[in-house]
Amino acid sequence: MENEEDPVRKSQVVEARARNISHNVRCTECGSQSIEDSQADVAILLRKLIRDEIRSGKTDKDIYKKLEEDFGETVLYAPRFDLQTAALWLSPFLVAGVATGIWAYQKQRQRTNVHIMALNLVRGVPLTPKEKQTMLELLTPPPSPPPLRKKWWSR
């Protein structure tokens, strides 16, 4: 009984590993599908190649490496992080940082710009000391309130 289950178990393991690898490999003909989902001739051949490699005892890492060597890094859905792909991986953070910087600069400029323009207009007009004090009180921006810190569990 155990001998009968052993080949079945091995074929199930091979099939599960092959499907896992196939989901992470891009079809070279379609480009937008994994070789598991594609019905292109190349995808069928690649699935067979992966199963043969698994049966010959290779690890998943070895199979990915062989596919990458044969077809280039674009065949994998998740490219490695190295010097060539650093811009690809870091670009979302760079764009978010630049956008945040521009937003903060414009917010700061918007907050102080009106007050500076009004103060410059008042400087040339002769005012009494009391009028000057009143104008300064009106035109000086109020201090920004401290941010409210709500805990996520007290919402």
Foldseek 3Di string as FASTA:
>chain_A
DVVVVVVVVVVVVLVVLLLVLQQFFAQPVPLVHGLNPDPDPSSVVLSVVSSVCVVVPDDSVVSLVVCCVVPNQSRGPDGDDDPVCVCVVCVVVVVVVVVVVVVVVVVVCVQCVVLVVQVVVVVVDDDDPVVVVVSCVVSPGDDDDDDDDDDPVVD
